[in-house]
Amino acid sequence: MIRLNGYYQGRRIIAPAVIADIRRGADQAHFAKAGYSTLPGWSYRTMWWVSPNEHGAFMARGIHGQNIYIDPQAEMVIVRYASNPIAGNVANDPYTLPAYMADAKHLMP
């Protein structure tokens, strides 16, 4: 539903302004001060992490490697259930984020 701009089965469930607010992200310079070395250029806003990649991807991130990665350009959503022994995503990001982007590029026409 989030990938489809708030629509579910052809019916609008979430207002366009809410989706636009999520995708807009926040101040990248402000986010950089948090020290997330595996997320350069990213931002965080309204519980969503917004990537600077060319597809405009964004994600919800949980602990122990759980996340929902949405790539609107590739029309792709990846939901990852995980139980990594390290709570933070720093152990997973160097592997999962490039893999998600590779999957997205593979799906592109």
N, C-alpha and C. Protein backbone atom coordinates (compact mmCIF):
# COMPACT_ATOMS: atom_id res chain seq x y z
N MET A 1 0.82 -1.18 0.00
CA MET A 1 0.00 0.00 0.00
C MET A 1 0.87 1.26 0.00
N ILE A 2 1.93 1.25 0.76
CA ILE A 2 2.83 2.41 0.78
C ILE A 2 3.50 2.57 -0.58
N ARG A 3 3.95 1.45 -1.18
CA ARG A 3 4.58 1.52 -2.49
C ARG A 3 3.62 2.05 -3.55
N LEU A 4 2.34 1.76 -3.38
CA LEU A 4 1.33 2.16 -4.35
C LEU A 4 0.69 3.51 -4.00
N ASN A 5 1.45 4.35 -3.33
CA ASN A 5 1.02 5.71 -3.00
C ASN A 5 -0.28 5.78 -2.20
N GLY A 6 -0.46 4.81 -1.31
CA GLY A 6 -1.60 4.84 -0.42
C GLY A 6 -2.83 4.11 -0.90
N TYR A 7 -2.72 3.44 -2.05
CA TYR A 7 -3.86 2.69 -2.58
C TYR A 7 -3.79 1.22 -2.19
N TYR A 8 -4.94 0.64 -1.96
CA TYR A 8 -5.06 -0.80 -1.74
C TYR A 8 -6.26 -1.28 -2.54
N GLN A 9 -6.02 -2.20 -3.45
CA GLN A 9 -7.05 -2.74 -4.33
C GLN A 9 -7.85 -1.64 -5.01
N GLY A 10 -7.10 -0.63 -5.51
CA GLY A 10 -7.73 0.46 -6.25
C GLY A 10 -8.41 1.52 -5.42
N ARG A 11 -8.37 1.39 -4.12
CA ARG A 11 -9.03 2.35 -3.23
C ARG A 11 -7.99 3.09 -2.39
N ARG A 12 -8.11 4.41 -2.34
CA ARG A 12 -7.17 5.20 -1.54
C ARG A 12 -7.44 4.98 -0.06
N ILE A 13 -6.36 4.57 0.65
CA ILE A 13 -6.45 4.33 2.09
C ILE A 13 -5.67 5.40 2.86
N ILE A 14 -4.56 5.83 2.28
CA ILE A 14 -3.69 6.82 2.92
C ILE A 14 -3.63 8.06 2.03
N ALA A 15 -3.75 9.22 2.64
CA ALA A 15 -3.74 10.48 1.90
C ALA A 15 -2.41 10.69 1.17
N PRO A 16 -2.45 11.29 -0.03
CA PRO A 16 -1.22 11.53 -0.79
C PRO A 16 -0.18 12.35 -0.01
N ALA A 17 -0.64 13.27 0.81
CA ALA A 17 0.30 14.10 1.58
C ALA A 17 1.11 13.26 2.57
N VAL A 18 0.52 12.21 3.10
CA VAL A 18 1.23 11.34 4.04
C VAL A 18 2.35 10.59 3.32
N ILE A 19 2.04 10.05 2.17
CA ILE A 19 3.05 9.32 1.39
C ILE A 19 4.16 10.27 0.95
N ALA A 20 3.81 11.44 0.48
CA ALA A 20 4.81 12.43 0.06
C ALA A 20 5.70 12.82 1.23
N ASP A 21 5.14 12.95 2.41
CA ASP A 21 5.91 13.30 3.59
C ASP A 21 6.93 12.20 3.93
N ILE A 22 6.51 10.95 3.81
CA ILE A 22 7.43 9.83 4.07
C ILE A 22 8.58 9.88 3.07
N ARG A 23 8.26 9.96 1.79
CA ARG A 23 9.28 9.90 0.74
C ARG A 23 10.21 11.10 0.72
N ARG A 24 9.75 12.21 1.25
CA ARG A 24 10.58 13.42 1.27
C ARG A 24 11.79 13.26 2.17
N GLY A 25 11.64 12.50 3.23
CA GLY A 25 12.74 12.34 4.16
C GLY A 25 12.95 13.60 4.98
N ALA A 26 14.16 13.73 5.49
CA ALA A 26 14.49 14.87 6.35
C ALA A 26 15.84 15.43 5.95
N ASP A 27 16.34 16.31 6.75
CA ASP A 27 17.62 16.97 6.50
C ASP A 27 18.76 15.95 6.62
N GLN A 28 19.43 15.68 5.50
CA GLN A 28 20.51 14.70 5.49
C GLN A 28 21.68 15.13 6.37
N ALA A 29 21.97 16.41 6.39
CA ALA A 29 23.08 16.90 7.22
C ALA A 29 22.78 16.69 8.70
N HIS A 30 21.55 16.91 9.07
CA HIS A 30 21.15 16.69 10.47
C HIS A 30 21.26 15.20 10.82
N PHE A 31 20.82 14.34 9.90
CA PHE A 31 20.89 12.89 10.12
C PHE A 31 22.34 12.43 10.22
N ALA A 32 23.22 13.00 9.43
CA ALA A 32 24.64 12.60 9.44
C ALA A 32 25.26 12.73 10.82
N LYS A 33 24.78 13.67 11.60
CA LYS A 33 25.32 13.88 12.95
C LYS A 33 25.05 12.69 13.87
N ALA A 34 24.08 11.86 13.51
CA ALA A 34 23.77 10.68 14.33
C ALA A 34 24.84 9.61 14.22
N GLY A 35 25.68 9.67 13.17
CA GLY A 35 26.82 8.77 13.06
C GLY A 35 26.53 7.40 12.47
N TYR A 36 25.49 7.27 11.68
CA TYR A 36 25.21 5.99 11.02
C TYR A 36 26.15 5.85 9.82
N SER A 37 27.29 5.25 10.05
CA SER A 37 28.32 5.16 9.01
C SER A 37 27.91 4.29 7.83
N THR A 38 26.98 3.37 8.03
CA THR A 38 26.54 2.51 6.93
C THR A 38 25.41 3.13 6.11
N LEU A 39 24.97 4.33 6.49
CA LEU A 39 23.86 4.98 5.79
C LEU A 39 24.22 6.40 5.34
N PRO A 40 25.31 6.58 4.60
CA PRO A 40 25.67 7.94 4.18
C PRO A 40 24.62 8.51 3.23
N GLY A 41 24.22 9.75 3.48
CA GLY A 41 23.25 10.42 2.63
C GLY A 41 21.80 10.09 2.94
N TRP A 42 21.57 9.20 3.87
CA TRP A 42 20.20 8.84 4.23
C TRP A 42 19.60 9.90 5.15
N SER A 43 18.31 9.77 5.41
CA SER A 43 17.65 10.59 6.42
C SER A 43 16.57 9.75 7.10
N TYR A 44 16.01 10.31 8.15
CA TYR A 44 14.99 9.60 8.93
C TYR A 44 13.87 10.57 9.22
N ARG A 45 12.64 10.13 8.93
CA ARG A 45 11.48 11.00 9.16
C ARG A 45 10.24 10.13 9.33
N THR A 46 9.43 10.44 10.28
CA THR A 46 8.15 9.78 10.53
C THR A 46 8.26 8.25 10.54
N MET A 47 9.28 7.75 11.20
CA MET A 47 9.51 6.32 11.38
C MET A 47 10.00 5.62 10.11
N TRP A 48 10.39 6.38 9.09
CA TRP A 48 10.89 5.80 7.84
C TRP A 48 12.30 6.31 7.58
N TRP A 49 13.12 5.44 7.04
CA TRP A 49 14.50 5.74 6.67
C TRP A 49 14.50 5.95 5.15
N VAL A 50 15.00 7.08 4.69
CA VAL A 50 14.93 7.44 3.28
C VAL A 50 16.32 7.43 2.68
N SER A 51 16.48 6.65 1.63
CA SER A 51 17.79 6.49 0.99
C SER A 51 18.01 7.58 -0.06
N PRO A 52 19.27 7.86 -0.35
CA PRO A 52 19.58 8.82 -1.40
C PRO A 52 19.75 8.15 -2.77
N ASN A 53 19.43 6.86 -2.89
CA ASN A 53 19.72 6.18 -4.15
C ASN A 53 18.82 6.66 -5.28
N GLU A 54 19.20 6.31 -6.48
CA GLU A 54 18.51 6.84 -7.67
C GLU A 54 17.08 6.32 -7.83
N HIS A 55 16.69 5.34 -7.06
CA HIS A 55 15.33 4.81 -7.15
C HIS A 55 14.39 5.43 -6.13
N GLY A 56 14.91 6.25 -5.24
CA GLY A 56 14.06 6.85 -4.21
C GLY A 56 13.57 5.84 -3.19
N ALA A 57 14.38 4.83 -2.91
CA ALA A 57 13.99 3.77 -1.98
C ALA A 57 13.91 4.32 -0.56
N PHE A 58 13.05 3.68 0.22
CA PHE A 58 12.93 4.02 1.64
C PHE A 58 12.55 2.76 2.39
N MET A 59 12.74 2.78 3.69
CA MET A 59 12.51 1.55 4.43
C MET A 59 12.11 1.79 5.88
N ALA A 60 11.43 0.80 6.42
CA ALA A 60 11.18 0.72 7.85
C ALA A 60 12.23 -0.25 8.38
N ARG A 61 12.83 0.08 9.50
CA ARG A 61 13.92 -0.74 10.04
C ARG A 61 13.62 -1.11 11.47
N GLY A 62 13.77 -2.40 11.75
CA GLY A 62 13.60 -2.88 13.11
C GLY A 62 14.93 -3.35 13.66
N ILE A 63 14.90 -3.95 14.80
CA ILE A 63 16.13 -4.46 15.39
C ILE A 63 16.41 -5.87 14.90
N HIS A 64 17.64 -6.30 15.09
CA HIS A 64 18.08 -7.65 14.74
C HIS A 64 17.95 -7.95 13.24
N GLY A 65 18.01 -6.90 12.40
CA GLY A 65 18.02 -7.09 10.95
C GLY A 65 16.67 -7.09 10.26
N GLN A 66 15.61 -6.84 10.98
CA GLN A 66 14.30 -6.82 10.35
C GLN A 66 14.10 -5.51 9.60
N ASN A 67 13.51 -5.58 8.41
CA ASN A 67 13.21 -4.35 7.69
C ASN A 67 12.22 -4.57 6.57
N ILE A 68 11.66 -3.46 6.12
CA ILE A 68 10.79 -3.42 4.94
C ILE A 68 11.43 -2.41 4.00
N TYR A 69 11.88 -2.89 2.86
CA TYR A 69 12.57 -2.06 1.88
C TYR A 69 11.62 -1.84 0.70
N ILE A 70 11.35 -0.58 0.38
CA ILE A 70 10.42 -0.25 -0.70
C ILE A 70 11.18 0.53 -1.77
N ASP A 71 11.16 -0.01 -2.98
CA ASP A 71 11.79 0.64 -4.13
C ASP A 71 10.67 0.95 -5.12
N PRO A 72 10.17 2.19 -5.11
CA PRO A 72 9.04 2.52 -5.97
C PRO A 72 9.34 2.42 -7.47
N GLN A 73 10.55 2.73 -7.85
CA GLN A 73 10.89 2.71 -9.27
C GLN A 73 10.92 1.28 -9.81
N ALA A 74 11.41 0.35 -9.03
CA ALA A 74 11.45 -1.06 -9.44
C ALA A 74 10.15 -1.79 -9.11
N GLU A 75 9.20 -1.08 -8.49
CA GLU A 75 7.93 -1.68 -8.07
C GLU A 75 8.19 -2.91 -7.20
N MET A 76 9.09 -2.73 -6.21
CA MET A 76 9.56 -3.84 -5.41
C MET A 76 9.42 -3.53 -3.91
N VAL A 77 9.01 -4.53 -3.17
CA VAL A 77 9.00 -4.47 -1.71
C VAL A 77 9.68 -5.74 -1.21
N ILE A 78 10.66 -5.57 -0.33
CA ILE A 78 11.31 -6.70 0.31
C ILE A 78 11.04 -6.59 1.81
N VAL A 79 10.50 -7.65 2.38
CA VAL A 79 10.28 -7.72 3.82
C VAL A 79 11.25 -8.77 4.35
N ARG A 80 12.08 -8.35 5.28
CA ARG A 80 13.08 -9.25 5.83
C ARG A 80 12.80 -9.48 7.31
N TYR A 81 12.46 -10.72 7.62
CA TYR A 81 12.34 -11.13 9.02
C TYR A 81 13.70 -11.68 9.42
N ALA A 82 14.19 -11.30 10.56
CA ALA A 82 15.54 -11.72 10.94
C ALA A 82 15.65 -11.84 12.45
N SER A 83 16.70 -12.50 12.86
CA SER A 83 17.01 -12.60 14.28
C SER A 83 18.53 -12.58 14.46
N ASN A 84 19.16 -11.62 13.82
CA ASN A 84 20.59 -11.47 13.94
C ASN A 84 20.95 -11.26 15.41
N PRO A 85 22.02 -11.86 15.89
CA PRO A 85 22.37 -11.69 17.30
C PRO A 85 22.76 -10.26 17.67
N ILE A 86 23.11 -9.46 16.68
CA ILE A 86 23.43 -8.06 16.92
C ILE A 86 22.17 -7.24 16.68
N ALA A 87 21.74 -6.47 17.68
CA ALA A 87 20.47 -5.74 17.57
C ALA A 87 20.48 -4.69 16.47
N GLY A 88 21.58 -3.94 16.35
CA GLY A 88 21.66 -2.88 15.35
C GLY A 88 21.83 -3.43 13.94
N ASN A 89 21.44 -2.65 12.96
CA ASN A 89 21.54 -3.06 11.57
C ASN A 89 22.92 -2.87 10.96
N VAL A 90 23.83 -2.30 11.71
CA VAL A 90 25.17 -2.04 11.18
C VAL A 90 25.85 -3.31 10.68
N ALA A 91 25.52 -4.45 11.28
CA ALA A 91 26.12 -5.71 10.85
C ALA A 91 25.53 -6.20 9.52
N ASN A 92 24.29 -5.79 9.24
CA ASN A 92 23.61 -6.26 8.03
C ASN A 92 23.69 -5.30 6.85
N ASP A 93 23.70 -4.02 7.12
CA ASP A 93 23.62 -3.01 6.05
C ASP A 93 24.62 -3.21 4.91
N PRO A 94 25.89 -3.51 5.19
CA PRO A 94 26.83 -3.66 4.08
C PRO A 94 26.48 -4.80 3.12
N TYR A 95 25.64 -5.71 3.56
CA TYR A 95 25.25 -6.85 2.71
C TYR A 95 23.84 -6.68 2.15
N THR A 96 22.91 -6.31 3.02
CA THR A 96 21.52 -6.26 2.58
C THR A 96 21.23 -5.09 1.65
N LEU A 97 21.73 -3.92 1.95
CA LEU A 97 21.40 -2.75 1.12
C LEU A 97 21.90 -2.90 -0.32
N PRO A 98 23.15 -3.33 -0.55
CA PRO A 98 23.56 -3.56 -1.95
C PRO A 98 22.77 -4.70 -2.60
N ALA A 99 22.41 -5.71 -1.84
CA ALA A 99 21.62 -6.82 -2.40
C ALA A 99 20.23 -6.34 -2.81
N TYR A 100 19.62 -5.49 -2.00
CA TYR A 100 18.31 -4.96 -2.36
C TYR A 100 18.40 -4.15 -3.65
N MET A 101 19.43 -3.33 -3.77
CA MET A 101 19.57 -2.51 -4.97
C MET A 101 19.84 -3.39 -6.19
N ALA A 102 20.63 -4.44 -6.02
CA ALA A 102 20.89 -5.36 -7.13
C ALA A 102 19.61 -6.05 -7.56
N ASP A 103 18.79 -6.44 -6.60
CA ASP A 103 17.49 -7.04 -6.93
C ASP A 103 16.63 -6.06 -7.71
N ALA A 104 16.59 -4.82 -7.25
CA ALA A 104 15.78 -3.79 -7.91
C ALA A 104 16.24 -3.57 -9.36
N LYS A 105 17.54 -3.47 -9.54
CA LYS A 105 18.06 -3.26 -10.90
C LYS A 105 17.76 -4.46 -11.80
N HIS A 106 17.78 -5.64 -11.23
CA HIS A 106 17.45 -6.84 -12.00
C HIS A 106 15.99 -6.83 -12.46
N LEU A 107 15.11 -6.26 -11.64
CA LEU A 107 13.70 -6.21 -11.98
C LEU A 107 13.33 -5.13 -12.98
N MET A 108 14.24 -4.17 -13.16
CA MET A 108 13.94 -3.05 -14.07
C MET A 108 13.95 -3.53 -15.52
N PRO A 109 13.06 -2.99 -16.32
CA PRO A 109 13.04 -3.40 -17.75
C PRO A 109 14.28 -2.97 -18.50
